[in-house]
Amino acid sequence: MTPNPEEVMGWRWWPEQEMSSTMAQSPELFTAWFGMVVNRIERQLTA
């Protein structure tokens, strides 16, 4: 994966539990829309 440097400051792979924990403790590390997308995906996976 090669993100466009004009659109993305950084990226990485996160273990699910680590990402959830970090989002809860430090939401400012993520874009505003990221939490909404994660919630939507989680709902779809558990449906």
Protein backbone atom coordinates (compact mmCIF):
# COMPACT_ATOMS: atom_id res chain seq x y z
CA MET A 1 0.00 0.00 0.00
CA THR A 2 1.35 3.41 -0.95
CA PRO A 3 -0.83 6.26 0.35
CA ASN A 4 -0.87 9.63 -1.39
CA PRO A 5 1.31 11.90 0.82
CA GLU A 6 -0.94 14.86 -0.02
CA GLU A 7 -3.92 13.03 1.50
CA VAL A 8 -2.46 10.85 4.25
CA MET A 9 -0.13 11.86 7.08
CA GLY A 10 0.53 8.29 8.11
CA TRP A 11 -0.88 4.78 8.29
CA ARG A 12 -0.23 1.49 9.98
CA TRP A 13 -1.83 -1.88 10.70
CA TRP A 14 -3.37 -2.12 14.18
CA PRO A 15 -4.46 -5.17 16.13
CA GLU A 16 -8.20 -4.70 16.66
CA GLN A 17 -8.04 -4.52 20.46
CA GLU A 18 -5.15 -2.03 20.43
CA MET A 19 -6.96 0.22 17.98
CA SER A 20 -10.18 0.16 19.99
CA SER A 21 -8.32 0.92 23.20
CA THR A 22 -6.34 3.77 21.63
CA MET A 23 -9.47 5.24 20.04
CA ALA A 24 -11.19 5.26 23.44
CA GLN A 25 -8.22 6.77 25.28
CA SER A 26 -6.89 9.18 22.62
CA PRO A 27 -9.54 9.90 19.97
CA GLU A 28 -7.61 12.98 18.83
CA LEU A 29 -5.09 10.65 17.15
CA PHE A 30 -7.72 9.71 14.56
CA THR A 31 -9.66 11.67 11.97
CA ALA A 32 -13.23 12.62 12.90
CA TRP A 33 -14.75 10.22 10.37
CA PHE A 34 -12.59 7.21 11.28
CA GLY A 35 -14.59 6.29 14.39
CA MET A 36 -17.82 6.40 12.39
CA VAL A 37 -16.37 4.07 9.76
CA VAL A 38 -15.04 1.65 12.38
CA ASN A 39 -18.43 1.55 14.13
CA ARG A 40 -20.21 0.86 10.85
CA ILE A 41 -17.82 -1.96 9.94
CA GLU A 42 -18.13 -3.51 13.40
CA ARG A 43 -21.94 -3.47 13.12
CA GLN A 44 -21.78 -5.16 9.72
CA LEU A 45 -19.38 -7.83 10.95
CA THR A 46 -21.57 -8.74 13.91
CA ALA A 47 -24.88 -8.70 11.97
